Every structure is written in C-alpha cells, then in structure tokens.
Protein backbone atom coordinates (compact mmCIF):
# COMPACT_ATOMS: atom_id res chain seq x y z
CA MET A 1 -138.94 222.64 -84.58
CA THR A 2 -140.67 220.73 -87.34
CA ASP A 3 -139.89 222.39 -90.20
CA PHE A 4 -136.30 222.99 -89.59
CA ASP A 5 -136.13 225.52 -92.35
CA SER A 6 -138.92 227.64 -90.91
CA HIS A 7 -137.67 227.54 -87.33
CA LEU A 8 -133.92 227.67 -87.75
CA SER A 9 -133.58 229.94 -90.75
CA ARG A 10 -132.71 233.59 -90.58
CA ARG A 11 -135.92 234.35 -92.48
CA ALA A 12 -138.23 232.83 -89.91
CA PHE A 13 -136.28 234.08 -86.89
CA GLY A 14 -136.04 237.81 -87.08
CA PHE A 15 -133.68 237.57 -84.12
CA GLY A 16 -131.35 235.36 -86.12
CA ALA A 17 -130.03 238.20 -88.22
CA ALA A 18 -128.98 240.02 -85.10
CA ALA A 19 -127.26 236.91 -83.85
CA LEU A 20 -125.18 236.90 -86.98
CA GLY A 21 -123.81 240.29 -86.17
CA ALA A 22 -125.55 241.80 -89.17
CA LEU A 23 -125.09 245.25 -87.70
CA ALA A 24 -127.37 248.08 -88.68
CA ALA A 25 -126.20 251.42 -89.97
CA LEU A 26 -127.44 253.13 -86.79
CA PRO A 27 -125.15 252.99 -83.76
CA ALA A 28 -126.27 250.72 -80.96
CA ALA A 29 -127.08 253.56 -78.59
CA ALA A 30 -129.51 255.03 -81.12
CA GLN A 31 -131.24 251.70 -81.76
CA ASN A 32 -132.48 251.41 -78.19
CA ALA A 33 -132.63 255.12 -77.35
CA ALA A 34 -136.28 254.85 -76.28
CA LEU A 35 -135.40 252.60 -73.34
CA SER A 36 -135.31 254.11 -69.87
CA ALA A 37 -132.21 253.92 -67.72
CA GLU A 38 -133.90 251.14 -65.72
CA ASP A 39 -134.65 249.20 -68.90
CA ARG A 40 -131.06 249.54 -70.11
CA ALA A 41 -129.85 248.24 -66.75
CA VAL A 42 -132.08 245.19 -67.14
CA VAL A 43 -130.74 244.54 -70.66
CA ALA A 44 -127.18 244.81 -69.32
CA GLN A 45 -128.07 242.31 -66.59
CA ALA A 46 -129.39 239.84 -69.16
CA GLN A 47 -126.31 240.27 -71.33
CA ALA A 48 -123.97 239.69 -68.38
CA TYR A 49 -125.89 236.55 -67.42
CA LEU A 50 -125.72 235.09 -70.94
CA GLN A 51 -122.03 235.97 -71.20
CA GLY A 52 -121.32 234.11 -67.97
CA LEU A 53 -123.23 230.98 -69.01
CA ALA A 54 -120.36 228.68 -69.96
CA ALA A 55 -121.89 225.19 -69.78
CA ALA A 56 -125.28 223.89 -68.70
CA GLN A 57 -127.73 221.04 -69.10
CA GLY A 58 -131.39 220.50 -68.36
CA THR A 59 -134.81 219.77 -69.78
CA PHE A 60 -137.13 221.75 -72.03
CA VAL A 61 -140.69 221.86 -73.33
CA GLU A 62 -141.41 223.37 -76.74
CA THR A 63 -144.90 224.34 -77.88
CA SER A 64 -146.16 225.74 -81.16
CA GLY A 65 -149.92 225.85 -81.57
CA ALA A 66 -151.27 222.46 -80.52
CA VAL A 67 -147.89 220.75 -80.99
CA ARG A 68 -145.89 219.98 -77.84
CA ARG A 69 -142.37 218.56 -77.77
CA GLU A 70 -139.94 217.92 -74.93
CA GLY A 71 -136.49 216.63 -74.22
CA ARG A 72 -133.04 217.42 -72.81
CA PHE A 73 -130.54 220.06 -73.79
CA TYR A 74 -126.80 220.51 -73.34
CA LEU A 75 -124.94 223.78 -73.82
CA GLN A 76 -121.26 224.58 -74.04
CA ARG A 77 -120.22 228.05 -75.10
CA PRO A 78 -118.93 229.19 -77.41
CA GLY A 79 -120.82 227.57 -80.24
CA LYS A 80 -122.11 224.23 -79.00
CA MET A 81 -125.59 223.04 -78.04
CA ARG A 82 -127.67 219.87 -78.29
CA PHE A 83 -131.46 219.46 -78.21
CA GLU A 84 -132.23 215.79 -77.63
CA TYR A 85 -135.96 215.18 -77.99
CA THR A 86 -137.70 212.43 -76.04
CA ASN A 87 -141.03 213.35 -77.62
CA PRO A 88 -140.82 212.75 -80.52
CA ALA A 89 -138.14 210.22 -79.63
CA GLY A 90 -134.91 210.33 -81.58
CA LEU A 91 -135.21 213.85 -83.01
CA LEU A 92 -131.88 215.66 -82.63
CA VAL A 93 -130.74 219.25 -83.19
CA VAL A 94 -127.00 219.75 -82.65
CA SER A 95 -124.72 222.75 -83.00
CA ASP A 96 -121.07 221.74 -83.37
CA GLY A 97 -119.72 225.29 -83.33
CA SER A 98 -119.91 225.79 -87.08
CA ASN A 99 -123.22 224.30 -88.23
CA VAL A 100 -126.60 223.43 -86.76
CA LYS A 101 -127.69 219.95 -87.79
CA ARG A 102 -131.06 218.26 -87.51
CA TYR A 103 -131.82 214.57 -87.81
CA ASP A 104 -135.36 213.19 -87.82
CA PRO A 105 -135.29 209.37 -87.66
CA ARG A 106 -139.02 209.11 -88.39
CA LEU A 107 -138.54 210.68 -91.81
CA ASN A 108 -134.90 209.64 -92.16
CA THR A 109 -133.93 213.24 -93.00
CA PHE A 110 -130.79 215.17 -92.17
CA ARG A 111 -130.29 218.90 -92.73
CA GLN A 112 -127.78 221.50 -91.70
CA VAL A 113 -127.40 225.28 -91.83
CA PRO A 114 -124.56 227.56 -90.68
CA LEU A 115 -124.76 228.39 -86.99
CA GLY A 116 -124.47 232.06 -87.84
CA SER A 117 -127.78 232.01 -89.71
CA THR A 118 -129.73 230.83 -86.66
CA PRO A 119 -130.85 232.54 -83.44
CA LEU A 120 -128.79 230.03 -81.47
CA ALA A 121 -125.80 232.15 -82.43
CA THR A 122 -127.00 234.83 -80.00
CA PHE A 123 -126.77 232.51 -77.00
CA LEU A 124 -123.66 230.67 -78.13
CA ALA A 125 -121.49 233.58 -79.26
CA ASN A 126 -118.12 234.05 -77.62
CA ASN A 127 -119.14 237.62 -76.82
CA VAL A 128 -122.88 237.96 -76.22
CA ARG A 129 -124.16 241.39 -77.27
CA LEU A 130 -127.74 242.56 -76.99
CA ASP A 131 -126.90 246.12 -78.03
CA ARG A 132 -125.81 245.56 -81.61
CA GLY A 133 -127.84 244.71 -84.69
CA VAL A 134 -131.01 244.32 -82.65
CA VAL A 135 -133.80 246.69 -81.66
CA ILE A 136 -135.20 246.08 -78.20
CA THR A 137 -138.82 247.12 -78.48
CA ARG A 138 -139.95 246.37 -74.95
CA VAL A 139 -138.64 245.53 -71.51
CA THR A 140 -141.20 244.15 -69.06
CA ARG A 141 -140.15 244.32 -65.41
CA MET A 142 -142.03 242.65 -62.55
CA GLN A 143 -141.99 243.30 -58.80
CA SER A 144 -140.57 239.83 -58.21
CA GLY A 145 -137.43 240.80 -60.15
CA ALA A 146 -138.37 238.72 -63.19
CA PHE A 147 -138.20 240.45 -66.53
CA ALA A 148 -138.67 239.87 -70.25
CA ILE A 149 -136.96 241.48 -73.24
CA THR A 150 -138.69 241.75 -76.61
CA ALA A 151 -136.40 242.25 -79.59
CA ARG A 152 -136.34 242.17 -83.37
CA SER A 153 -133.66 242.46 -86.01
CA GLN A 154 -132.60 245.98 -86.92
CA SER A 155 -131.90 245.05 -90.54
CA ARG A 156 -134.93 242.73 -91.03
CA PRO A 157 -137.65 244.15 -88.75
CA ASN A 158 -140.50 242.40 -90.56
CA ASP A 159 -139.07 238.91 -90.09
CA GLY A 160 -140.41 238.42 -86.58
CA SER A 161 -139.48 238.97 -82.96
CA ALA A 162 -138.16 237.17 -79.91
CA ILE A 163 -139.03 237.43 -76.23
CA LEU A 164 -136.41 236.29 -73.70
CA ALA A 165 -137.71 235.77 -70.16
CA PHE A 166 -135.47 235.73 -67.07
CA ALA A 167 -136.29 235.10 -63.40
CA GLY A 168 -134.98 233.67 -60.17
CA SER A 169 -132.26 234.36 -57.67
CA PRO A 170 -129.69 233.69 -58.88
CA LEU A 171 -130.96 234.87 -62.25
CA ARG A 172 -131.51 232.36 -65.03
CA LEU A 173 -132.99 232.26 -68.51
CA GLN A 174 -136.38 230.59 -68.16
CA GLU A 175 -137.80 230.62 -71.66
CA TRP A 176 -137.91 232.25 -75.07
CA THR A 177 -140.74 232.78 -77.52
CA ILE A 178 -140.15 233.31 -81.23
CA THR A 179 -142.80 234.84 -83.47
CA ASP A 180 -142.00 234.44 -87.15
CA ALA A 181 -142.97 236.65 -90.09
CA GLN A 182 -146.27 234.75 -90.48
CA GLY A 183 -147.18 235.26 -86.82
CA VAL A 184 -146.47 231.66 -85.79
CA ARG A 185 -145.27 231.52 -82.17
CA THR A 186 -142.90 228.88 -80.82
CA ARG A 187 -142.30 228.86 -77.07
CA THR A 188 -139.35 227.03 -75.49
CA GLN A 189 -139.44 226.66 -71.71
CA LEU A 190 -136.30 225.52 -69.89
CA THR A 191 -138.02 223.44 -67.22
CA THR A 192 -134.75 222.59 -65.47
CA MET A 193 -131.29 224.05 -65.92
CA GLN A 194 -128.08 223.49 -64.02
CA PRO A 195 -124.38 224.19 -64.52
CA ALA A 196 -122.45 221.37 -66.15
CA SER A 197 -118.82 220.40 -66.38
CA GLY A 198 -117.00 217.77 -68.35
CA LEU A 199 -119.62 217.43 -71.06
CA ALA A 200 -118.55 214.81 -73.60
CA ALA A 201 -117.37 216.19 -76.94
CA SER A 202 -119.51 213.54 -78.65
CA LEU A 203 -122.67 215.35 -77.50
CA PHE A 204 -121.92 218.10 -80.00
CA GLN A 205 -121.07 215.90 -82.95
CA LEU A 206 -123.63 214.61 -85.42
CA ARG A 207 -122.78 212.86 -88.67
CA ASP A 208 -125.39 212.35 -91.33
CA PRO A 209 -127.05 209.02 -90.40
CA THR A 210 -128.80 208.88 -93.78
CA GLN A 211 -125.51 208.48 -95.64
CA ARG A 212 -124.61 204.82 -95.98
CA PRO A 213 -120.98 203.83 -96.54
CA ARG A 214 -120.21 203.24 -100.18
CA ARG A 215 -119.35 199.74 -101.26
CA ASN A 216 -116.19 199.21 -103.22
C-alpha cells in the first residue's frame, strides 16, 4: 500500500469501479453468461459468505514485488475496516464508513479518498453483490473445495483485475490479489481471521495527525 493513490484509487484497482456500483449497461446475467452452472454456484457461495461477514479481526501479510508488509486488521460491516501495520510500524489505513484514510508517520503524510472509490467498498457494502458491474472472467475450483474468483470492472476493463481466494470448512476468505493497469500485483493474505464482537468505535476513527491545533 505505498503509494496510496496507486493502490486505493479506482484507476489502479479495476475492481474498485465495480465496488462503487458503477453498473454496466449489460444486465448482470449477460455479464457472466460464460460461466457454467457450477461456477455460478461458487460465485453465489462467495457472495453469501461475504454478506454474512459482519465483524472480524486477524492478521495479514501484504506483498508487492520484493516489498513485504504485515499487521492486524479489524472489520465491521457495513463500511468500516482498519489495517494497522506493524511492519512498517505506525502505518494506518482506516475506513470510517465514508472515507478511507491513510497515515504514514515516517513521512508525516495523511490522505483520504471516498470509500466508494476503493475496492474495500466491495467487502464493506451493506449488500455485497458479485453479479453487478463486474465481469467474472474465471472461476478456479479445486478438489479440496477451495476456489478462486477472478474479476474485473465491466465499465473499466483495462484498469486491472482482482482474484479472491476462499478455502476452509467453514468457508473463509483467505486472500486477494490485485493486478493494476500497469501489471503490478499486490497480494494480501489473511493469515488469521476470527469473528469479533464489541469492537471499539475508536478503531474506525482517524483524524489527521499532521494538522496541529491553531494558536489564538
């Protein structure tokens, strides 16, 4: 997530446009008409899982090229998520339900973009839909029951793609990989994930630490 603009913008994340609900002119059934009945069942399974994911916490590892980052995450749908990096220490990415904010203490920089312009909106939406505004180009099913879904934006197909990987019994989202328009891949693995309750509201609040109070 360096480069907040390249990793959290709609331009870099082709999937982000779909998350916004930027629906294509074609009806959803036509967008994914090439999928088999088995593939469509898998997509429905993934959608049901994401819809039922109300609150969770765990750890993650993010890799892009030779760069590796890790930390903890907290999720509370709809709209709220927190990526709390331990490496590099202090880096924060927080969605408060309206905006996604990023603070890097090493550079003393703070930025924010609307949640709707990021791919996080897909996971955090009140109603998760994988059959609108997105073209599912591939469903990979394995004998173990694990599966992966490859998708790109219907309206901005050249902006990149996303792969969501699910496995386990009970099913859980294990990782996602984003490939941007330049071919740069960022992989986020959820190394642990468990249901959470009573998450503090303060986890999903982030004021601009670079703004100092004005003196009268």
